């Protein structure tokens, strides 16, 4: 009598990872980041309304915005060290509370004291700068490695959405509320950013989150000074050639490409096309393109993610290239959309690789270097591009900047470890 063979137990496939959008901890972090982004983008617009209402002069506006930038740049490095030294959640809390406290001070100084407004703007910038690296490190603590690219895509979509919604929402509210009330609304947004995010899950914690030392081990070693800890972050960044290459390429695109197009686009929209429509449409297309790029990168996993990212970064060169040539205005708009897509094809894997490859205890400090370059070189580039346009002409400046946008990322892609944004190939890591 034949026996029926026992059924073999087939190995069931692993279930797909749960969507990061169903993770409550991440959604709280995302909500806090979104609130901080809305507050950040709304503040210059509200201060512009103050100029229109004659509560603030044009010179005063320039001084206040400059103070905010200086505060940001001074605090972003400090925030990176503090977020690695202490709890990242605490760094977000106190920096966002500082930004929230600045808004009522701005309201109090409005129409009364430019000095008070300048000091308050510096405090607002410091709060904004200090929370950036902490938010970036909290993503690594909150989300497991397999879902971080999706999480970073959601984060950058929030940032890009704020660039569209922030000014539009502010303009809508301005029809019903005065400038002081809008400034208090910005304070409420910063309170959301301070209080809504939760604690990380314990992955990738900094020094301040380490377990308490055993008394039997003797007294703890004295903590290194602030400067020494910041230099530790620089040394950690230097361990990753792909990071230095990416930072150099990003610096070139921001200081040359972004600055040149910021100066040239309004001029060309007025002089060549005779309408402000091109300016508004191109800026909107860039943001919409960036949203689309982030959406793509939520699912796309290129095999050579570093090379793909550098190709996306180089795509920004199409923006200055389109401004050089006497093309139809829709070509300019399309070029800006491509540039927006490309910048997020770079940003999302760049953030994800930094969270994966960098020593978790130094992640906030390394991230602060990224933000120093991203935010610090833009005003420097703007200050240099305008005189260059006057001296050499807008076409020559755009040609040099477009070439730099194409060539510098291409050169960065040739650096060892740049292909995969990793010190070892994926197969070796597996």
Protein backbone atom coordinates (compact mmCIF):
# COMPACT_ATOMS: atom_id res chain seq x y z
CA UNK A 1 0.00 0.00 0.00
CA UNK A 2 1.47 3.25 -1.06
CA UNK A 3 1.97 5.83 1.58
CA UNK A 4 1.08 9.41 1.02
CA UNK A 5 4.15 11.57 1.47
CA UNK A 6 3.95 14.14 4.17
CA UNK A 7 3.50 17.64 2.83
CA UNK A 8 6.65 19.69 2.91
CA UNK A 9 6.52 22.90 4.85
CA UNK A 10 7.27 25.72 2.47
CA UNK A 11 9.06 28.71 3.91
CA UNK A 12 6.62 31.59 3.82
CA UNK A 13 7.93 34.82 2.39
CA UNK A 14 8.74 37.57 4.83
CA UNK A 15 5.90 40.05 5.18
CA UNK A 16 6.51 43.44 3.64
CA UNK A 17 7.70 46.04 6.10
CA UNK A 18 4.97 48.05 7.73
CA UNK A 19 4.51 51.48 6.19
CA UNK A 20 6.25 54.20 8.15
CA UNK A 21 3.05 56.25 7.82
CA UNK A 22 1.35 53.81 10.18
CA UNK A 23 3.98 54.29 12.87
CA UNK A 24 2.66 56.63 15.57
CA UNK A 25 6.14 57.60 16.78
CA UNK A 26 7.18 58.65 13.31
CA UNK A 27 3.92 60.49 12.65
CA UNK A 28 4.50 62.55 15.79
CA UNK A 29 8.02 63.36 14.63
CA UNK A 30 6.71 64.20 11.15
CA UNK A 31 4.06 66.50 12.63
CA UNK A 32 6.67 68.33 14.69
CA UNK A 33 8.95 68.74 11.70
CA UNK A 34 6.06 70.00 9.58
CA UNK A 35 5.08 72.55 12.22
CA UNK A 36 8.66 73.82 12.43
CA UNK A 37 8.80 74.05 8.64
CA UNK A 38 5.58 76.05 8.45
CA UNK A 39 6.85 78.42 11.14
CA UNK A 40 10.19 78.81 9.39
CA UNK A 41 8.71 79.64 5.99
CA UNK A 42 5.92 81.84 7.37
CA UNK A 43 8.16 84.20 9.37
CA UNK A 44 9.79 86.07 6.43
CA UNK A 45 6.39 86.42 4.77
CA UNK A 46 4.81 87.85 7.95
CA UNK A 47 7.70 90.29 8.33
CA UNK A 48 7.16 91.30 4.71
CA UNK A 49 3.54 92.07 5.57
CA UNK A 50 4.84 94.26 8.39
CA UNK A 51 6.73 96.30 5.78
CA UNK A 52 3.59 96.65 3.68
CA UNK A 53 1.69 97.86 6.76
CA UNK A 54 4.54 100.31 7.53
CA UNK A 55 5.24 98.73 10.90
CA UNK A 56 8.78 97.91 9.74
CA UNK A 57 11.05 99.61 7.22
CA UNK A 58 12.89 97.89 4.38
CA UNK A 59 16.25 98.43 6.10
CA UNK A 60 14.84 97.04 9.33
CA UNK A 61 13.52 93.98 7.48
CA UNK A 62 16.96 93.30 6.02
CA UNK A 63 18.55 93.63 9.46
CA UNK A 64 16.03 91.33 11.11
CA UNK A 65 16.33 88.63 8.42
CA UNK A 66 20.14 88.86 8.53
CA UNK A 67 20.04 88.41 12.31
CA UNK A 68 17.89 85.31 11.89
CA UNK A 69 20.40 83.83 9.42
CA UNK A 70 23.33 84.59 11.74
CA UNK A 71 21.47 83.00 14.64
CA UNK A 72 20.78 79.91 12.59
CA UNK A 73 24.38 79.44 11.46
CA UNK A 74 25.74 80.04 14.95
CA UNK A 75 23.34 77.57 16.55
CA UNK A 76 23.35 74.72 14.03
CA UNK A 77 26.86 73.61 15.02
CA UNK A 78 26.06 74.06 18.71
CA UNK A 79 22.84 72.11 18.26
CA UNK A 80 24.70 69.23 16.64
CA UNK A 81 27.03 68.88 19.61
CA UNK A 82 24.24 69.21 22.17
CA UNK A 83 22.04 66.68 20.36
CA UNK A 84 24.88 64.13 20.47
CA UNK A 85 25.83 65.02 24.03
CA UNK A 86 22.29 64.91 25.45
CA UNK A 87 18.90 63.53 24.42
CA UNK A 88 17.93 64.40 20.84
CA UNK A 89 14.35 64.81 22.07
CA UNK A 90 15.47 67.36 24.66
CA UNK A 91 17.45 69.24 22.00
CA UNK A 92 14.30 69.54 19.87
CA UNK A 93 12.24 70.61 22.89
CA UNK A 94 14.48 73.44 24.07
CA UNK A 95 15.43 74.74 20.64
CA UNK A 96 11.79 74.86 19.52
CA UNK A 97 10.79 76.55 22.79
CA UNK A 98 13.46 79.19 22.14
CA UNK A 99 12.02 79.83 18.68
CA UNK A 100 8.52 79.99 20.19
CA UNK A 101 9.65 82.56 22.76
CA UNK A 102 11.14 84.72 20.01
CA UNK A 103 7.81 85.27 18.22
CA UNK A 104 6.11 87.28 21.02
CA UNK A 105 9.29 89.36 21.32
CA UNK A 106 9.08 90.12 17.61
CA UNK A 107 5.45 91.15 18.10
CA UNK A 108 6.40 93.36 21.05
CA UNK A 109 9.11 95.13 19.06
CA UNK A 110 6.99 95.61 15.95
CA UNK A 111 6.65 99.33 15.24
CA UNK A 112 8.52 100.14 18.46
CA UNK A 113 12.06 98.77 18.53
CA UNK A 114 14.10 97.36 15.65
CA UNK A 115 16.78 96.45 18.18
CA UNK A 116 14.37 94.19 20.06
CA UNK A 117 13.15 92.65 16.81
CA UNK A 118 16.73 92.00 15.71
CA UNK A 119 17.59 90.24 18.97
CA UNK A 120 14.36 88.23 18.79
CA UNK A 121 15.07 87.24 15.18
CA UNK A 122 18.53 86.00 16.20
CA UNK A 123 16.88 83.91 18.92
CA UNK A 124 14.36 82.55 16.40
CA UNK A 125 17.15 81.62 14.00
CA UNK A 126 19.09 79.96 16.82
CA UNK A 127 16.11 77.83 17.75
CA UNK A 128 15.55 76.87 14.14
CA UNK A 129 19.21 76.00 13.62
CA UNK A 130 19.62 74.01 16.82
CA UNK A 131 16.64 71.77 16.10
CA UNK A 132 17.67 70.80 12.53
CA UNK A 133 20.40 68.24 13.36
CA UNK A 134 18.36 66.93 16.29
CA UNK A 135 15.35 66.27 14.05
CA UNK A 136 17.64 64.51 11.57
CA UNK A 137 19.12 62.27 14.25
CA UNK A 138 15.68 61.53 15.71
CA UNK A 139 14.66 59.93 12.40
CA UNK A 140 17.44 57.36 12.91
CA UNK A 141 16.27 56.75 16.49
CA UNK A 142 12.59 56.47 15.62
CA UNK A 143 12.61 54.46 12.37
CA UNK A 144 14.29 51.12 11.71
CA UNK A 145 16.90 51.04 8.90
CA UNK A 146 14.68 49.29 6.36
CA UNK A 147 12.13 52.12 6.40
CA UNK A 148 14.36 55.16 6.75
CA UNK A 149 14.37 56.05 3.06
CA UNK A 150 10.57 56.12 3.12
CA UNK A 151 10.71 58.21 6.29
CA UNK A 152 13.18 60.69 4.81
CA UNK A 153 11.02 61.00 1.71
CA UNK A 154 8.02 61.81 3.92
CA UNK A 155 10.10 64.35 5.83
CA UNK A 156 11.29 66.14 2.72
CA UNK A 157 7.76 66.14 1.30
CA UNK A 158 6.68 67.94 4.46
CA UNK A 159 9.43 70.52 4.00
CA UNK A 160 8.55 71.10 0.34
CA UNK A 161 4.87 71.24 1.14
CA UNK A 162 5.62 73.95 3.69
CA UNK A 163 7.29 76.09 1.03
CA UNK A 164 3.99 76.06 -0.85
CA UNK A 165 1.53 76.11 2.03
CA UNK A 166 3.41 78.44 4.40
CA UNK A 167 3.19 81.68 2.40
CA UNK A 168 -0.23 80.79 0.94
CA UNK A 169 -1.72 80.02 4.35
CA UNK A 170 -0.17 83.15 5.81
CA UNK A 171 -1.60 85.30 3.01
CA UNK A 172 -5.04 83.78 3.63
CA UNK A 173 -4.88 84.42 7.37
CA UNK A 174 -3.56 87.95 6.80
CA UNK A 175 -6.96 88.85 5.34
CA UNK A 176 -8.48 88.32 8.81
CA UNK A 177 -5.62 88.78 11.31
CA UNK A 178 -3.05 91.51 11.96
CA UNK A 179 0.71 90.99 11.88
CA UNK A 180 1.10 90.66 15.66
CA UNK A 181 -1.52 87.91 15.79
CA UNK A 182 0.22 86.08 12.94
CA UNK A 183 3.50 86.23 14.88
CA UNK A 184 1.76 84.68 17.88
CA UNK A 185 0.46 81.97 15.53
CA UNK A 186 4.06 81.23 14.57
CA UNK A 187 4.81 80.80 18.27
CA UNK A 188 2.02 78.21 18.48
CA UNK A 189 3.54 76.29 15.57
CA UNK A 190 6.87 76.18 17.38
CA UNK A 191 5.10 74.90 20.50
CA UNK A 192 3.71 72.04 18.39
CA UNK A 193 7.24 71.32 17.14
CA UNK A 194 8.49 71.30 20.73
CA UNK A 195 5.80 69.19 22.37
CA UNK A 196 4.39 66.76 19.79
CA UNK A 197 7.42 64.58 18.82
CA UNK A 198 7.99 61.62 21.11
CA UNK A 199 11.16 59.97 22.30
CA UNK A 200 13.18 57.76 19.98
CA UNK A 201 13.12 54.01 20.33
CA UNK A 202 16.69 53.82 21.51
CA UNK A 203 18.40 53.15 18.17
CA UNK A 204 21.31 55.37 17.30
CA UNK A 205 21.38 57.32 20.53
CA UNK A 206 23.98 59.88 21.33
CA UNK A 207 26.26 60.14 24.33
CA UNK A 208 23.63 61.73 26.46
CA UNK A 209 21.39 58.67 26.05
CA UNK A 210 23.97 56.08 27.03
CA UNK A 211 23.32 53.78 29.94
CA UNK A 212 24.40 54.99 33.35
CA UNK A 213 27.99 53.95 34.19
CA UNK A 214 28.61 51.19 36.70
CA UNK A 215 29.98 52.66 39.97
CA UNK A 216 32.46 49.80 40.07
CA UNK A 217 34.10 51.18 36.95
CA UNK A 218 35.37 54.20 38.86
CA UNK A 219 34.62 57.87 38.23
CA UNK A 220 33.59 58.70 34.65
CA UNK A 221 36.15 60.25 32.35
CA UNK A 222 35.82 64.02 32.05
CA UNK A 223 33.73 65.08 29.08
CA UNK A 224 35.60 66.59 26.16
CA UNK A 225 35.11 70.28 25.56
CA UNK A 226 32.62 71.68 23.10
CA UNK A 227 35.27 72.43 20.46
CA UNK A 228 36.78 68.95 20.82
CA UNK A 229 33.40 67.30 20.36
CA UNK A 230 32.65 69.39 17.27
CA UNK A 231 36.03 68.39 15.83
CA UNK A 232 35.13 64.75 16.55
CA UNK A 233 32.16 65.24 14.24
CA UNK A 234 34.43 66.63 11.53
CA UNK A 235 36.77 63.66 11.90
CA UNK A 236 33.81 61.30 11.64
CA UNK A 237 32.72 63.03 8.43
CA UNK A 238 36.24 62.66 7.02
CA UNK A 239 36.02 58.88 7.53
CA UNK A 240 33.44 58.78 4.73
CA UNK A 241 34.85 59.94 1.37
CA UNK A 242 31.38 59.77 -0.20
CA UNK A 243 30.10 62.26 2.38
CA UNK A 244 32.86 64.77 1.70
CA UNK A 245 32.32 64.36 -2.04
CA UNK A 246 28.59 64.91 -1.67
CA UNK A 247 29.11 67.93 0.55
CA UNK A 248 31.47 69.46 -2.02
CA UNK A 249 29.00 68.87 -4.85
CA UNK A 250 26.16 70.27 -2.78
CA UNK A 251 28.25 73.34 -1.97
CA UNK A 252 28.91 74.00 -5.65
CA UNK A 253 25.26 73.62 -6.63
CA UNK A 254 24.03 75.87 -3.82
CA UNK A 255 26.71 78.57 -3.95
CA UNK A 256 26.74 78.77 -7.75
CA UNK A 257 23.64 77.21 -9.29
CA UNK A 258 21.02 78.11 -6.70
CA UNK A 259 22.42 81.59 -6.09
CA UNK A 260 22.75 82.37 -9.80
CA UNK A 261 19.21 81.34 -10.60
CA UNK A 262 17.85 83.25 -7.60
CA UNK A 263 19.40 86.44 -8.96
CA UNK A 264 18.88 85.81 -12.68
CA UNK A 265 15.34 84.42 -12.76
CA UNK A 266 13.58 87.66 -11.70
CA UNK A 267 15.70 89.68 -14.13
CA UNK A 268 15.07 87.36 -17.08
CA UNK A 269 11.39 86.99 -16.25
CA UNK A 270 11.10 90.80 -16.42
CA UNK A 271 13.50 91.68 -19.24
CA UNK A 272 13.17 88.74 -21.64
CA UNK A 273 9.58 87.66 -21.14
CA UNK A 274 8.09 90.89 -19.83
CA UNK A 275 5.96 89.19 -17.19
CA UNK A 276 6.18 88.01 -13.60
CA UNK A 277 4.35 84.83 -14.58
CA UNK A 278 7.58 83.05 -15.53
CA UNK A 279 9.11 83.79 -12.13
CA UNK A 280 6.09 82.51 -10.21
CA UNK A 281 5.59 79.47 -12.45
CA UNK A 282 9.25 78.42 -12.33
CA UNK A 283 9.48 78.65 -8.54
CA UNK A 284 6.24 76.69 -8.17
CA UNK A 285 7.40 74.08 -10.69
CA UNK A 286 10.61 73.59 -8.73
CA UNK A 287 8.70 72.89 -5.52
CA UNK A 288 6.17 70.61 -7.25
CA UNK A 289 9.04 68.77 -8.92
CA UNK A 290 10.73 68.31 -5.55
CA UNK A 291 7.51 66.86 -4.13
CA UNK A 292 7.35 64.45 -7.07
CA UNK A 293 11.00 63.49 -6.61
CA UNK A 294 10.47 62.74 -2.92
CA UNK A 295 7.42 60.63 -3.78
CA UNK A 296 9.48 58.63 -6.27
CA UNK A 297 12.29 58.10 -3.76
CA UNK A 298 9.85 56.75 -1.18
CA UNK A 299 9.85 53.52 -3.24
CA UNK A 300 12.78 53.67 -5.67
CA UNK A 301 15.95 51.84 -4.57
CA UNK A 302 18.65 52.32 -7.25
CA UNK A 303 21.39 49.69 -7.21
CA UNK A 304 24.04 52.40 -7.42
CA UNK A 305 22.28 54.91 -5.23
CA UNK A 306 25.23 57.29 -4.98
CA UNK A 307 25.62 57.62 -8.72
CA UNK A 308 21.87 58.07 -9.13
CA UNK A 309 21.87 60.73 -6.42
CA UNK A 310 24.72 62.67 -8.01
CA UNK A 311 22.94 62.51 -11.36
CA UNK A 312 19.89 64.01 -9.68
CA UNK A 313 21.97 66.77 -8.11
CA UNK A 314 23.56 67.57 -11.47
CA UNK A 315 20.08 68.02 -12.94
CA UNK A 316 19.95 71.40 -11.22
CA UNK A 317 22.22 72.60 -14.02
CA UNK A 318 19.21 72.61 -16.37
CA UNK A 319 17.80 75.62 -14.47
CA UNK A 320 20.66 78.07 -15.23
CA UNK A 321 21.04 76.50 -18.69
CA UNK A 322 17.42 77.30 -19.55
CA UNK A 323 17.91 80.91 -18.45
CA UNK A 324 20.89 81.31 -20.78
CA UNK A 325 18.98 80.49 -23.95
CA UNK A 326 16.11 82.36 -25.67
CA UNK A 327 13.69 79.50 -25.18
CA UNK A 328 9.93 79.43 -24.74
CA UNK A 329 8.96 80.22 -21.12
CA UNK A 330 7.47 76.75 -20.72
CA UNK A 331 10.96 75.33 -21.28
CA UNK A 332 12.19 77.37 -18.31
CA UNK A 333 9.31 76.07 -16.18
CA UNK A 334 10.04 72.49 -17.25
CA UNK A 335 13.75 72.91 -16.47
CA UNK A 336 12.91 74.06 -12.96
CA UNK A 337 10.60 71.07 -12.49
CA UNK A 338 13.44 68.74 -13.54
CA UNK A 339 15.79 70.53 -11.13
CA UNK A 340 13.28 70.04 -8.32
CA UNK A 341 12.92 66.34 -9.07
CA UNK A 342 16.68 65.95 -9.19
CA UNK A 343 17.36 67.68 -5.89
CA UNK A 344 15.21 65.15 -4.04
CA UNK A 345 16.71 62.24 -5.96
CA UNK A 346 19.84 63.40 -4.16
CA UNK A 347 18.49 64.50 -0.78
CA UNK A 348 16.53 61.41 0.22
CA UNK A 349 19.30 58.79 -0.29
CA UNK A 350 21.84 61.31 1.06
CA UNK A 351 20.00 61.64 4.38
CA UNK A 352 19.35 57.89 4.51
CA UNK A 353 23.00 57.02 3.88
CA UNK A 354 24.16 59.49 6.53
CA UNK A 355 21.87 57.88 9.10
CA UNK A 356 23.09 54.41 8.08
CA UNK A 357 26.84 54.96 7.75
CA UNK A 358 27.75 57.58 10.34
CA UNK A 359 28.58 56.61 13.93
CA UNK A 360 25.22 57.02 15.76
CA UNK A 361 26.88 58.94 18.57
CA UNK A 362 28.16 61.55 16.11
CA UNK A 363 25.20 61.68 13.73
CA UNK A 364 23.84 65.06 14.82
CA UNK A 365 27.27 66.69 14.54
CA UNK A 366 27.83 65.32 11.05
CA UNK A 367 24.32 66.41 10.05
CA UNK A 368 25.07 69.90 11.35
CA UNK A 369 27.92 70.14 8.82
CA UNK A 370 25.42 69.35 6.09
CA UNK A 371 23.07 72.11 7.27
CA UNK A 372 25.94 74.58 7.67
CA UNK A 373 26.79 74.10 3.99
CA UNK A 374 23.17 74.02 2.80
CA UNK A 375 22.08 77.16 4.61
CA UNK A 376 25.39 78.98 5.02
CA UNK A 377 26.56 79.10 1.43
CA UNK A 378 23.30 80.39 -0.03
CA UNK A 379 23.66 83.96 1.32
CA UNK A 380 27.37 83.95 0.50
CA UNK A 381 26.63 82.92 -3.07
CA UNK A 382 23.90 85.54 -3.39
CA UNK A 383 26.30 88.23 -2.18
CA UNK A 384 28.89 87.26 -4.81
CA UNK A 385 26.67 86.47 -7.79
CA UNK A 386 25.08 89.92 -8.06
CA UNK A 387 28.43 91.75 -8.49
CA UNK A 388 29.57 89.04 -10.91
CA UNK A 389 26.47 89.60 -13.05
CA UNK A 390 27.20 93.32 -13.16
CA UNK A 391 30.85 92.73 -14.07
CA UNK A 392 30.59 89.88 -16.60
CA UNK A 393 26.95 89.79 -17.66
CA UNK A 394 24.19 87.41 -16.74
CA UNK A 395 24.81 84.98 -19.62
CA UNK A 396 28.48 84.41 -18.77
CA UNK A 397 27.70 83.90 -15.08
CA UNK A 398 24.90 81.46 -15.87
CA UNK A 399 27.18 79.51 -18.23
CA UNK A 400 29.85 79.08 -15.54
CA UNK A 401 27.26 78.11 -12.92
CA UNK A 402 25.52 75.61 -15.21
CA UNK A 403 28.88 73.99 -16.03
CA UNK A 404 29.70 73.74 -12.33
CA UNK A 405 26.33 72.12 -11.58
CA UNK A 406 26.98 69.44 -14.21
CA UNK A 407 30.70 68.86 -13.68
CA UNK A 408 31.21 68.98 -9.91
CA UNK A 409 28.65 66.22 -9.10
CA UNK A 410 30.10 64.16 -11.96
CA UNK A 411 33.56 64.51 -10.42
CA UNK A 412 32.18 63.68 -6.96
CA UNK A 413 30.68 60.47 -8.34
CA UNK A 414 34.22 59.28 -9.19
CA UNK A 415 35.34 59.40 -5.55
CA UNK A 416 35.82 55.97 -3.95
CA UNK A 417 32.73 54.82 -1.99
CA UNK A 418 30.54 57.37 -3.84
CA UNK A 419 28.80 54.77 -6.00
CA UNK A 420 26.80 53.31 -3.11
CA UNK A 421 27.09 56.12 -0.51
CA UNK A 422 28.82 53.54 1.68
CA UNK A 423 32.33 52.52 2.68
CA UNK A 424 31.51 48.95 1.64
CA UNK A 425 29.42 47.66 -1.26
CA UNK A 426 25.93 46.38 -0.43
CA UNK A 427 26.93 42.74 -1.06
CA UNK A 428 29.77 43.07 1.40
CA UNK A 429 27.46 44.52 4.05
CA UNK A 430 24.98 41.69 3.53
